[in-house]
């Protein structure tokens, strides 16, 4: 997100980077930050210890959803009365509740998928029920649009070993819970590496946005 913020800044976009209080404090301990990117914080409900202080991953994510939504709303209200009111929220797709908060304030929302398009495609098909789990025949080929034939062991670990990481599985598949309501869908990829599946995702999501950066 910091690197993406830098790219937007160099294109003339006013950017404010938002992290959790815990992540912000860790960041400030290990780096001088980026002087031209303002930093703001929201709470995940565990400001002193982050996810390590939660009872479980499930408990952490539930708490983050509740407290994160509240504190993000407070931050938006703060910035709306500032010199640079918020026009758009670009959020990590694993926090879909961010879009709900943005829409509450009439702000544009861009869902930023930080994994490869290949992984996004697999998870999308799981979310839609087009790829049924668990896979019974682990030797059969799996065919998904835009991807070469895959074996089960080519899948992400929580798909390959279904049930092994239930909280993480719920989070990554949940990225698609409200993605159709986003104004734009951004993906972290190189088109030349993922031509076929990137093209499929553009056809799949009418709000998919191509971004091209010159080196």
Protein backbone atom coordinates (compact mmCIF):
# COMPACT_ATOMS: atom_id res chain seq x y z
CA UNK A 1 0.00 0.00 0.00
CA UNK A 2 2.90 2.36 0.73
CA UNK A 3 4.45 1.71 -2.68
CA UNK A 4 1.07 2.19 -4.37
CA UNK A 5 0.61 5.44 -2.44
CA UNK A 6 3.99 6.65 -3.71
CA UNK A 7 2.96 5.90 -7.31
CA UNK A 8 -0.30 7.82 -6.88
CA UNK A 9 1.57 10.72 -5.28
CA UNK A 10 3.96 10.95 -8.23
CA UNK A 11 0.91 11.12 -10.52
CA UNK A 12 -0.26 14.19 -8.62
CA UNK A 13 -2.85 12.51 -6.41
CA UNK A 14 -3.17 13.65 -2.80
CA UNK A 15 -2.81 10.47 -0.72
CA UNK A 16 -3.23 9.63 2.96
CA UNK A 17 -2.03 6.18 4.01
CA UNK A 18 -4.03 4.50 6.78
CA UNK A 19 -2.87 1.62 8.97
CA UNK A 20 -3.80 0.18 12.33
CA UNK A 21 -2.39 1.83 15.46
CA UNK A 22 -0.27 -1.25 16.19
CA UNK A 23 1.13 -1.43 12.65
CA UNK A 24 1.83 2.30 12.67
CA UNK A 25 3.82 2.05 15.91
CA UNK A 26 5.84 -0.87 14.52
CA UNK A 27 6.47 1.05 11.31
CA UNK A 28 7.74 4.09 13.17
CA UNK A 29 10.13 1.91 15.17
CA UNK A 30 11.77 0.47 12.08
CA UNK A 31 11.70 3.24 9.49
CA UNK A 32 11.59 6.97 9.13
CA UNK A 33 8.46 6.55 7.01
CA UNK A 34 7.78 8.61 3.92
CA UNK A 35 7.80 12.34 4.52
CA UNK A 36 5.44 13.24 1.66
CA UNK A 37 2.79 10.59 2.42
CA UNK A 38 0.68 11.59 5.47
CA UNK A 39 -0.11 8.71 7.83
CA UNK A 40 -3.34 8.19 9.78
CA UNK A 41 -4.51 5.31 11.92
CA UNK A 42 -7.58 3.25 12.71
CA UNK A 43 -7.91 0.65 15.44
CA UNK A 44 -8.16 -3.12 15.11
CA UNK A 45 -9.23 -3.39 18.75
CA UNK A 46 -5.76 -4.57 19.78
CA UNK A 47 -3.64 -1.41 19.66
CA UNK A 48 -0.93 -2.74 21.98
CA UNK A 49 -0.31 -6.14 20.46
CA UNK A 50 -2.17 -6.60 17.20
CA UNK A 51 -3.45 -10.02 16.21
CA UNK A 52 -1.01 -11.76 18.59
CA UNK A 53 -3.06 -10.47 21.53
CA UNK A 54 -6.36 -11.86 20.24
CA UNK A 55 -7.84 -15.14 21.48
CA UNK A 56 -7.89 -16.50 17.94
CA UNK A 57 -7.68 -15.40 14.32
CA UNK A 58 -11.49 -15.51 14.14
CA UNK A 59 -11.78 -13.33 17.24
CA UNK A 60 -9.24 -10.87 15.86
CA UNK A 61 -10.97 -10.50 12.50
CA UNK A 62 -14.38 -10.07 14.12
CA UNK A 63 -13.02 -7.41 16.47
CA UNK A 64 -11.21 -5.67 13.61
CA UNK A 65 -14.45 -5.60 11.62
CA UNK A 66 -16.34 -3.95 14.49
CA UNK A 67 -13.73 -1.48 15.77
CA UNK A 68 -12.15 -0.89 12.37
CA UNK A 69 -15.47 0.21 10.87
CA UNK A 70 -16.11 2.62 13.73
CA UNK A 71 -12.66 4.19 13.73
CA UNK A 72 -12.54 4.40 9.92
CA UNK A 73 -15.81 6.33 10.01
CA UNK A 74 -14.34 8.68 12.61
CA UNK A 75 -11.25 9.22 10.45
CA UNK A 76 -13.37 9.97 7.38
CA UNK A 77 -15.34 12.59 9.32
CA UNK A 78 -12.09 14.13 10.51
CA UNK A 79 -10.66 14.32 6.99
CA UNK A 80 -13.92 15.56 5.44
CA UNK A 81 -13.57 18.73 7.49
CA UNK A 82 -9.90 19.15 6.56
CA UNK A 83 -8.20 20.92 3.64
CA UNK A 84 -8.25 17.66 1.68
CA UNK A 85 -11.58 15.85 2.16
CA UNK A 86 -11.71 12.20 1.14
CA UNK A 87 -12.83 11.46 -2.46
CA UNK A 88 -12.04 7.75 -2.61
CA UNK A 89 -10.94 4.92 -0.35
CA UNK A 90 -8.58 2.35 -1.82
CA UNK A 91 -8.77 -0.62 0.55
CA UNK A 92 -7.20 -4.03 0.82
CA UNK A 93 -9.83 -6.43 -0.52
CA UNK A 94 -9.46 -8.56 2.62
CA UNK A 95 -11.22 -5.77 4.52
CA UNK A 96 -14.50 -5.54 2.52
CA UNK A 97 -16.19 -3.66 5.37
CA UNK A 98 -14.14 -0.63 4.30
CA UNK A 99 -16.34 -0.33 1.22
CA UNK A 100 -19.50 -0.35 3.35
CA UNK A 101 -18.12 2.56 5.38
CA UNK A 102 -17.13 4.46 2.24
CA UNK A 103 -20.59 4.09 0.71
CA UNK A 104 -22.17 5.30 3.95
CA UNK A 105 -20.42 8.62 3.35
CA UNK A 106 -21.01 8.69 -0.40
CA UNK A 107 -17.32 8.14 -1.11
CA UNK A 108 -15.94 6.13 -4.02
CA UNK A 109 -14.39 2.78 -3.15
CA UNK A 110 -11.64 0.87 -4.96
CA UNK A 111 -11.01 -2.74 -3.96
CA UNK A 112 -7.28 -3.52 -4.15
CA UNK A 113 -6.51 -7.24 -4.53
CA UNK A 114 -2.93 -7.67 -3.39
CA UNK A 115 -2.52 -11.28 -4.48
CA UNK A 116 -1.83 -12.47 -8.02
CA UNK A 117 -4.69 -12.64 -10.51
CA UNK A 118 -4.27 -16.44 -10.64
CA UNK A 119 -4.94 -16.74 -6.90
CA UNK A 120 -7.81 -14.22 -7.16
CA UNK A 121 -9.42 -16.34 -9.87
CA UNK A 122 -9.22 -19.51 -7.76
CA UNK A 123 -10.72 -17.79 -4.72
CA UNK A 124 -13.45 -16.14 -6.80
CA UNK A 125 -14.57 -19.51 -8.14
CA UNK A 126 -14.60 -20.91 -4.60
CA UNK A 127 -16.68 -17.94 -3.43
CA UNK A 128 -19.20 -18.40 -6.23
CA UNK A 129 -19.47 -22.13 -5.61
CA UNK A 130 -18.10 -22.84 -9.08
CA UNK A 131 -15.18 -24.73 -7.60
CA UNK A 132 -16.52 -27.22 -5.04
CA UNK A 133 -14.49 -28.10 -1.96
CA UNK A 134 -13.17 -30.42 -0.78
CA UNK A 135 -11.84 -31.88 -4.02
CA UNK A 136 -12.48 -35.63 -3.93
CA UNK A 137 -10.19 -36.72 -6.77
CA UNK A 138 -6.86 -35.11 -5.93
CA UNK A 139 -5.30 -36.44 -9.15
CA UNK A 140 -7.77 -34.89 -11.57
CA UNK A 141 -7.02 -31.73 -13.54
CA UNK A 142 -8.73 -28.53 -12.48
CA UNK A 143 -9.73 -26.17 -15.29
CA UNK A 144 -10.41 -22.51 -14.55
CA UNK A 145 -10.80 -19.65 -17.07
CA UNK A 146 -7.53 -18.02 -18.08
CA UNK A 147 -5.37 -20.57 -16.25
CA UNK A 148 -3.52 -23.67 -17.47
CA UNK A 149 -4.74 -27.06 -16.23
CA UNK A 150 -3.95 -27.33 -12.52
CA UNK A 151 -3.59 -30.11 -9.99
CA UNK A 152 -4.92 -29.88 -6.46
CA UNK A 153 -1.42 -29.35 -5.06
CA UNK A 154 -1.14 -26.22 -7.26
CA UNK A 155 -3.88 -24.60 -5.17
CA UNK A 156 -3.35 -22.29 -2.16
CA UNK A 157 -2.74 -24.34 1.00
CA UNK A 158 -6.17 -23.62 2.52
CA UNK A 159 -7.75 -24.98 -0.69
CA UNK A 160 -5.38 -27.91 -1.14
CA UNK A 161 -5.71 -28.93 2.51
CA UNK A 162 -9.33 -27.86 2.96
CA UNK A 163 -10.24 -27.08 6.55
CA UNK A 164 -6.64 -26.52 7.67
CA UNK A 165 -6.93 -22.75 8.08
CA UNK A 166 -10.67 -22.01 8.46
CA UNK A 167 -10.32 -18.38 9.62
CA UNK A 168 -7.89 -17.47 6.84
CA UNK A 169 -10.02 -19.32 4.29
CA UNK A 170 -13.09 -17.33 5.38
CA UNK A 171 -11.15 -14.06 5.11
CA UNK A 172 -9.60 -14.59 1.67
CA UNK A 173 -12.81 -15.93 0.12
CA UNK A 174 -14.74 -13.10 1.78
CA UNK A 175 -12.81 -10.61 -0.34
CA UNK A 176 -15.52 -11.08 -2.96
CA UNK A 177 -18.49 -10.58 -0.64
CA UNK A 178 -19.32 -7.08 -1.94
CA UNK A 179 -16.77 -6.52 -4.70
CA UNK A 180 -19.52 -5.87 -7.27
CA UNK A 181 -20.40 -2.71 -5.32
CA UNK A 182 -16.89 -1.28 -5.64
CA UNK A 183 -16.39 1.54 -8.13
CA UNK A 184 -13.10 0.00 -9.27
CA UNK A 185 -11.23 -3.27 -8.84
CA UNK A 186 -7.43 -3.04 -8.77
CA UNK A 187 -5.05 -6.00 -8.97
CA UNK A 188 -1.40 -6.24 -8.02
CA UNK A 189 0.12 -7.99 -11.02
CA UNK A 190 2.21 -7.72 -14.17
CA UNK A 191 0.04 -8.11 -17.25
CA UNK A 192 2.81 -9.80 -19.25
CA UNK A 193 2.99 -12.55 -16.62
CA UNK A 194 -0.76 -13.14 -16.35
CA UNK A 195 -2.22 -12.11 -19.70
CA UNK A 196 -4.98 -14.72 -19.98
CA UNK A 197 -6.31 -14.63 -16.44
CA UNK A 198 -6.00 -10.81 -16.26
CA UNK A 199 -8.11 -10.54 -19.41
CA UNK A 200 -10.67 -12.94 -17.94
CA UNK A 201 -10.92 -10.85 -14.75
CA UNK A 202 -11.49 -7.71 -16.80
CA UNK A 203 -14.41 -9.46 -18.52
CA UNK A 204 -15.67 -10.82 -15.20
CA UNK A 205 -15.66 -7.50 -13.35
CA UNK A 206 -17.18 -4.54 -15.18
CA UNK A 207 -15.45 -2.27 -12.65
CA UNK A 208 -11.98 -3.76 -13.31
CA UNK A 209 -9.44 -1.02 -14.00
CA UNK A 210 -6.23 -1.40 -15.97
CA UNK A 211 -3.31 0.55 -14.54
CA UNK A 212 -0.03 0.94 -16.39
CA UNK A 213 3.09 2.42 -14.87
CA UNK A 214 6.25 3.37 -16.68
CA UNK A 215 9.48 2.28 -15.06
